[in-house]
Amino acid sequence: MALDEELNQRLRDLLDGLPSLSEKRMMGGLCFLVDGNMIGAARREKSGNAHFMFRVGKDNEEEALREPGTRPMEHGGRRMGGFIWLDEDAATPEAMRALTSLSVSFVTTLPPK
């Protein structure tokens, strides 16, 4: 899977200005971190399908899954609590802002790594 700079830039634009923001290649894509804690990522599959991953936390997961085009994240056949996928075709500016807000509100409660 190749990095998709257009998808990554959409996340960069939303996260711009966050203190301690960094980027790291992980899990076949580019992940965005705040104080070393993963906040989200963008991914384009070999099939061409693309989606965004948001780390919203288990307490925010139900709210996040109300957004159209979202689903729980699975990795290696196992559900990852507190992580959700947002399909690219459902990634409206409003949905992206809402999920970014949930992610930031969760990740900024975690101790720095």
N, C-alpha and C. Protein backbone atom coordinates (compact mmCIF):
# COMPACT_ATOMS: atom_id res chain seq x y z
N MET A 1 0.84 -1.17 0.00
CA MET A 1 0.00 0.00 0.00
C MET A 1 0.89 1.24 0.00
N ALA A 2 0.62 2.16 -0.90
CA ALA A 2 1.39 3.39 -0.99
C ALA A 2 0.74 4.48 -0.13
N LEU A 3 1.58 5.38 0.33
CA LEU A 3 1.05 6.54 1.05
C LEU A 3 0.26 7.40 0.08
N ASP A 4 -0.82 7.96 0.55
CA ASP A 4 -1.65 8.83 -0.27
C ASP A 4 -1.52 10.24 0.30
N GLU A 5 -0.71 11.05 -0.36
CA GLU A 5 -0.42 12.38 0.16
C GLU A 5 -1.66 13.27 0.23
N GLU A 6 -2.59 13.10 -0.68
CA GLU A 6 -3.82 13.91 -0.63
C GLU A 6 -4.63 13.60 0.63
N LEU A 7 -4.77 12.32 0.97
CA LEU A 7 -5.48 11.95 2.20
C LEU A 7 -4.73 12.45 3.43
N ASN A 8 -3.41 12.27 3.43
CA ASN A 8 -2.61 12.73 4.56
C ASN A 8 -2.74 14.24 4.75
N GLN A 9 -2.78 14.97 3.65
CA GLN A 9 -2.88 16.43 3.75
C GLN A 9 -4.22 16.86 4.35
N ARG A 10 -5.27 16.11 4.06
CA ARG A 10 -6.58 16.44 4.66
C ARG A 10 -6.50 16.36 6.18
N LEU A 11 -5.81 15.35 6.70
CA LEU A 11 -5.65 15.25 8.16
C LEU A 11 -4.71 16.33 8.68
N ARG A 12 -3.62 16.58 7.97
CA ARG A 12 -2.69 17.64 8.39
C ARG A 12 -3.41 18.97 8.54
N ASP A 13 -4.26 19.28 7.57
CA ASP A 13 -4.98 20.56 7.60
C ASP A 13 -5.88 20.65 8.83
N LEU A 14 -6.54 19.54 9.19
CA LEU A 14 -7.42 19.54 10.36
C LEU A 14 -6.64 19.64 11.67
N LEU A 15 -5.46 19.06 11.71
CA LEU A 15 -4.68 19.01 12.94
C LEU A 15 -3.68 20.16 13.07
N ASP A 16 -3.58 20.97 12.04
CA ASP A 16 -2.63 22.07 12.02
C ASP A 16 -2.79 22.95 13.26
N GLY A 17 -1.68 23.23 13.90
CA GLY A 17 -1.69 24.10 15.06
C GLY A 17 -1.74 23.37 16.39
N LEU A 18 -1.98 22.07 16.37
CA LEU A 18 -1.98 21.31 17.62
C LEU A 18 -0.56 21.25 18.17
N PRO A 19 -0.38 21.58 19.45
CA PRO A 19 0.96 21.45 20.01
C PRO A 19 1.40 19.99 20.03
N SER A 20 2.68 19.78 19.87
CA SER A 20 3.30 18.45 19.95
C SER A 20 2.79 17.48 18.90
N LEU A 21 2.35 17.98 17.75
CA LEU A 21 1.89 17.13 16.65
C LEU A 21 3.10 16.58 15.90
N SER A 22 3.06 15.29 15.60
CA SER A 22 4.12 14.67 14.81
C SER A 22 3.51 13.64 13.87
N GLU A 23 4.32 13.17 12.94
CA GLU A 23 3.90 12.16 11.97
C GLU A 23 4.89 11.01 12.04
N LYS A 24 4.36 9.80 11.84
CA LYS A 24 5.22 8.62 11.89
C LYS A 24 4.66 7.55 10.97
N ARG A 25 5.52 6.93 10.18
CA ARG A 25 5.08 5.82 9.32
C ARG A 25 4.84 4.60 10.20
N MET A 26 3.61 4.11 10.16
CA MET A 26 3.21 2.95 10.95
C MET A 26 2.08 2.23 10.24
N MET A 27 1.97 0.94 10.45
CA MET A 27 0.84 0.14 9.97
C MET A 27 0.56 0.35 8.48
N GLY A 28 1.59 0.51 7.70
CA GLY A 28 1.43 0.65 6.27
C GLY A 28 0.96 2.01 5.81
N GLY A 29 0.98 2.98 6.69
CA GLY A 29 0.53 4.31 6.33
C GLY A 29 1.26 5.34 7.15
N LEU A 30 0.71 6.55 7.16
CA LEU A 30 1.27 7.64 7.94
C LEU A 30 0.31 7.94 9.07
N CYS A 31 0.80 7.85 10.31
CA CYS A 31 -0.02 8.13 11.48
C CYS A 31 0.34 9.50 12.03
N PHE A 32 -0.65 10.15 12.59
CA PHE A 32 -0.48 11.45 13.22
C PHE A 32 -0.56 11.24 14.73
N LEU A 33 0.36 11.89 15.46
CA LEU A 33 0.44 11.70 16.90
C LEU A 33 0.48 13.05 17.61
N VAL A 34 -0.05 13.08 18.81
CA VAL A 34 0.06 14.23 19.69
C VAL A 34 0.74 13.75 20.96
N ASP A 35 1.85 14.36 21.30
CA ASP A 35 2.65 13.93 22.45
C ASP A 35 2.99 12.45 22.38
N GLY A 36 3.17 11.92 21.18
CA GLY A 36 3.53 10.53 20.99
C GLY A 36 2.37 9.55 21.00
N ASN A 37 1.14 10.04 21.18
CA ASN A 37 -0.06 9.20 21.18
C ASN A 37 -0.78 9.33 19.84
N MET A 38 -1.08 8.19 19.23
CA MET A 38 -1.74 8.18 17.93
C MET A 38 -3.11 8.85 18.01
N ILE A 39 -3.36 9.73 17.04
CA ILE A 39 -4.64 10.40 16.96
C ILE A 39 -5.43 9.96 15.73
N GLY A 40 -4.71 9.64 14.65
CA GLY A 40 -5.41 9.21 13.44
C GLY A 40 -4.44 8.91 12.32
N ALA A 41 -5.04 8.46 11.20
CA ALA A 41 -4.24 8.10 10.03
C ALA A 41 -5.14 8.11 8.81
N ALA A 42 -4.51 8.06 7.65
CA ALA A 42 -5.23 7.93 6.38
C ALA A 42 -4.63 6.74 5.64
N ARG A 43 -5.48 6.04 4.91
CA ARG A 43 -5.00 4.81 4.26
C ARG A 43 -5.76 4.56 2.96
N ARG A 44 -5.01 4.24 1.92
CA ARG A 44 -5.61 3.82 0.66
C ARG A 44 -5.17 2.38 0.41
N GLU A 45 -6.15 1.50 0.24
CA GLU A 45 -5.88 0.08 0.03
C GLU A 45 -5.47 -0.17 -1.42
N LYS A 46 -4.92 -1.33 -1.69
CA LYS A 46 -4.55 -1.70 -3.05
C LYS A 46 -5.77 -1.70 -3.97
N SER A 47 -6.94 -1.96 -3.41
CA SER A 47 -8.18 -1.97 -4.18
C SER A 47 -8.58 -0.57 -4.64
N GLY A 48 -7.96 0.46 -4.04
CA GLY A 48 -8.33 1.84 -4.35
C GLY A 48 -9.23 2.46 -3.29
N ASN A 49 -9.85 1.62 -2.45
CA ASN A 49 -10.69 2.14 -1.37
C ASN A 49 -9.82 2.87 -0.35
N ALA A 50 -10.33 3.98 0.14
CA ALA A 50 -9.58 4.76 1.11
C ALA A 50 -10.45 5.05 2.32
N HIS A 51 -9.78 5.24 3.44
CA HIS A 51 -10.49 5.59 4.66
C HIS A 51 -9.54 6.29 5.63
N PHE A 52 -10.15 6.92 6.60
CA PHE A 52 -9.43 7.60 7.66
C PHE A 52 -9.65 6.82 8.94
N MET A 53 -8.64 6.77 9.78
CA MET A 53 -8.75 6.14 11.08
C MET A 53 -8.68 7.24 12.13
N PHE A 54 -9.57 7.15 13.09
CA PHE A 54 -9.57 8.09 14.20
C PHE A 54 -9.54 7.33 15.51
N ARG A 55 -8.70 7.78 16.42
CA ARG A 55 -8.65 7.20 17.77
C ARG A 55 -9.50 8.08 18.67
N VAL A 56 -10.74 7.66 18.85
CA VAL A 56 -11.70 8.48 19.60
C VAL A 56 -11.81 8.06 21.06
N GLY A 57 -11.30 6.90 21.42
CA GLY A 57 -11.44 6.40 22.78
C GLY A 57 -12.74 5.63 22.94
N LYS A 58 -12.74 4.69 23.85
CA LYS A 58 -13.92 3.83 24.03
C LYS A 58 -15.14 4.62 24.47
N ASP A 59 -14.96 5.65 25.28
CA ASP A 59 -16.10 6.44 25.74
C ASP A 59 -16.76 7.25 24.63
N ASN A 60 -16.01 7.59 23.59
CA ASN A 60 -16.53 8.39 22.47
C ASN A 60 -16.93 7.53 21.27
N GLU A 61 -16.69 6.23 21.35
CA GLU A 61 -16.89 5.36 20.19
C GLU A 61 -18.34 5.36 19.71
N GLU A 62 -19.29 5.27 20.62
CA GLU A 62 -20.70 5.23 20.22
C GLU A 62 -21.08 6.51 19.47
N GLU A 63 -20.65 7.64 19.98
CA GLU A 63 -20.93 8.92 19.31
C GLU A 63 -20.28 8.96 17.93
N ALA A 64 -19.05 8.51 17.83
CA ALA A 64 -18.33 8.51 16.55
C ALA A 64 -19.02 7.62 15.52
N LEU A 65 -19.53 6.50 15.97
CA LEU A 65 -20.16 5.55 15.04
C LEU A 65 -21.52 6.02 14.55
N ARG A 66 -22.02 7.12 15.08
CA ARG A 66 -23.27 7.71 14.56
C ARG A 66 -23.03 8.46 13.25
N GLU A 67 -21.78 8.80 12.99
CA GLU A 67 -21.45 9.50 11.73
C GLU A 67 -21.61 8.52 10.58
N PRO A 68 -22.30 8.93 9.51
CA PRO A 68 -22.42 8.05 8.34
C PRO A 68 -21.05 7.67 7.80
N GLY A 69 -20.91 6.43 7.36
CA GLY A 69 -19.67 5.98 6.75
C GLY A 69 -18.61 5.52 7.74
N THR A 70 -18.98 5.41 9.03
CA THR A 70 -18.01 4.95 10.03
C THR A 70 -18.26 3.49 10.37
N ARG A 71 -17.22 2.86 10.87
CA ARG A 71 -17.34 1.48 11.35
C ARG A 71 -16.20 1.24 12.34
N PRO A 72 -16.39 0.26 13.23
CA PRO A 72 -15.30 -0.05 14.17
C PRO A 72 -14.07 -0.53 13.42
N MET A 73 -12.93 -0.26 13.96
CA MET A 73 -11.68 -0.69 13.35
C MET A 73 -11.37 -2.13 13.75
N GLU A 74 -10.98 -2.91 12.77
CA GLU A 74 -10.48 -4.25 13.02
C GLU A 74 -9.06 -4.32 12.48
N HIS A 75 -8.21 -4.98 13.23
CA HIS A 75 -6.82 -5.15 12.82
C HIS A 75 -6.43 -6.59 13.13
N GLY A 76 -6.04 -7.32 12.11
CA GLY A 76 -5.69 -8.72 12.29
C GLY A 76 -6.87 -9.56 12.75
N GLY A 77 -8.08 -9.18 12.31
CA GLY A 77 -9.28 -9.93 12.67
C GLY A 77 -9.80 -9.63 14.06
N ARG A 78 -9.21 -8.66 14.73
CA ARG A 78 -9.61 -8.32 16.10
C ARG A 78 -10.11 -6.88 16.15
N ARG A 79 -11.22 -6.67 16.83
CA ARG A 79 -11.77 -5.32 16.97
C ARG A 79 -10.90 -4.51 17.92
N MET A 80 -10.60 -3.29 17.49
CA MET A 80 -9.77 -2.39 18.27
C MET A 80 -10.67 -1.34 18.93
N GLY A 81 -10.96 -1.53 20.18
CA GLY A 81 -11.85 -0.61 20.90
C GLY A 81 -11.31 0.81 20.91
N GLY A 82 -12.20 1.76 20.66
CA GLY A 82 -11.81 3.17 20.67
C GLY A 82 -11.25 3.70 19.37
N PHE A 83 -11.13 2.83 18.35
CA PHE A 83 -10.64 3.23 17.03
C PHE A 83 -11.75 3.01 16.02
N ILE A 84 -11.94 3.96 15.11
CA ILE A 84 -12.97 3.80 14.07
C ILE A 84 -12.39 4.17 12.71
N TRP A 85 -13.02 3.63 11.67
CA TRP A 85 -12.72 3.98 10.28
C TRP A 85 -13.82 4.89 9.77
N LEU A 86 -13.45 5.82 8.93
CA LEU A 86 -14.38 6.67 8.18
C LEU A 86 -14.04 6.50 6.72
N ASP A 87 -15.01 6.02 5.93
CA ASP A 87 -14.79 5.84 4.50
C ASP A 87 -14.57 7.18 3.81
N GLU A 88 -13.70 7.19 2.81
CA GLU A 88 -13.36 8.42 2.10
C GLU A 88 -14.60 9.09 1.50
N ASP A 89 -15.52 8.31 0.94
CA ASP A 89 -16.69 8.92 0.31
C ASP A 89 -17.65 9.53 1.31
N ALA A 90 -17.51 9.23 2.60
CA ALA A 90 -18.34 9.83 3.65
C ALA A 90 -17.58 10.91 4.42
N ALA A 91 -16.36 11.19 4.02
CA ALA A 91 -15.49 12.11 4.75
C ALA A 91 -15.77 13.55 4.37
N THR A 92 -16.98 14.00 4.70
CA THR A 92 -17.33 15.40 4.47
C THR A 92 -16.52 16.27 5.43
N PRO A 93 -16.39 17.55 5.14
CA PRO A 93 -15.68 18.42 6.08
C PRO A 93 -16.29 18.37 7.49
N GLU A 94 -17.62 18.30 7.56
CA GLU A 94 -18.29 18.26 8.86
C GLU A 94 -17.95 16.98 9.62
N ALA A 95 -18.00 15.83 8.93
CA ALA A 95 -17.67 14.55 9.57
C ALA A 95 -16.21 14.53 10.01
N MET A 96 -15.33 15.02 9.17
CA MET A 96 -13.91 15.04 9.51
C MET A 96 -13.66 15.92 10.73
N ARG A 97 -14.30 17.09 10.79
CA ARG A 97 -14.13 17.98 11.95
C ARG A 97 -14.67 17.33 13.22
N ALA A 98 -15.84 16.70 13.12
CA ALA A 98 -16.45 16.07 14.30
C ALA A 98 -15.57 14.95 14.84
N LEU A 99 -15.07 14.10 13.96
CA LEU A 99 -14.25 12.98 14.41
C LEU A 99 -12.87 13.44 14.88
N THR A 100 -12.33 14.46 14.25
CA THR A 100 -11.07 15.02 14.71
C THR A 100 -11.24 15.61 16.10
N SER A 101 -12.34 16.28 16.33
CA SER A 101 -12.61 16.86 17.64
C SER A 101 -12.70 15.78 18.73
N LEU A 102 -13.41 14.70 18.43
CA LEU A 102 -13.50 13.59 19.38
C LEU A 102 -12.13 13.00 19.65
N SER A 103 -11.33 12.84 18.60
CA SER A 103 -9.99 12.28 18.75
C SER A 103 -9.09 13.17 19.59
N VAL A 104 -9.11 14.45 19.30
CA VAL A 104 -8.27 15.39 20.05
C VAL A 104 -8.70 15.41 21.51
N SER A 105 -10.02 15.42 21.76
CA SER A 105 -10.49 15.47 23.14
C SER A 105 -10.06 14.23 23.92
N PHE A 106 -9.96 13.09 23.24
CA PHE A 106 -9.51 11.88 23.92
C PHE A 106 -7.99 11.85 24.08
N VAL A 107 -7.27 12.02 22.99
CA VAL A 107 -5.82 11.83 23.00
C VAL A 107 -5.13 12.84 23.92
N THR A 108 -5.67 14.04 24.04
CA THR A 108 -5.02 15.04 24.90
C THR A 108 -5.20 14.73 26.38
N THR A 109 -6.02 13.72 26.73
CA THR A 109 -6.13 13.30 28.13
C THR A 109 -5.06 12.27 28.48
N LEU A 110 -4.37 11.72 27.50
CA LEU A 110 -3.38 10.67 27.73
C LEU A 110 -2.04 11.28 28.12
N PRO A 111 -1.28 10.57 28.95
CA PRO A 111 0.05 11.09 29.29
C PRO A 111 0.97 11.03 28.07
N PRO A 112 1.88 11.99 27.95
CA PRO A 112 2.83 11.96 26.82
C PRO A 112 3.68 10.70 26.87
N LYS A 113 4.06 10.24 25.68
CA LYS A 113 4.96 9.08 25.57
C LYS A 113 6.37 9.56 25.31
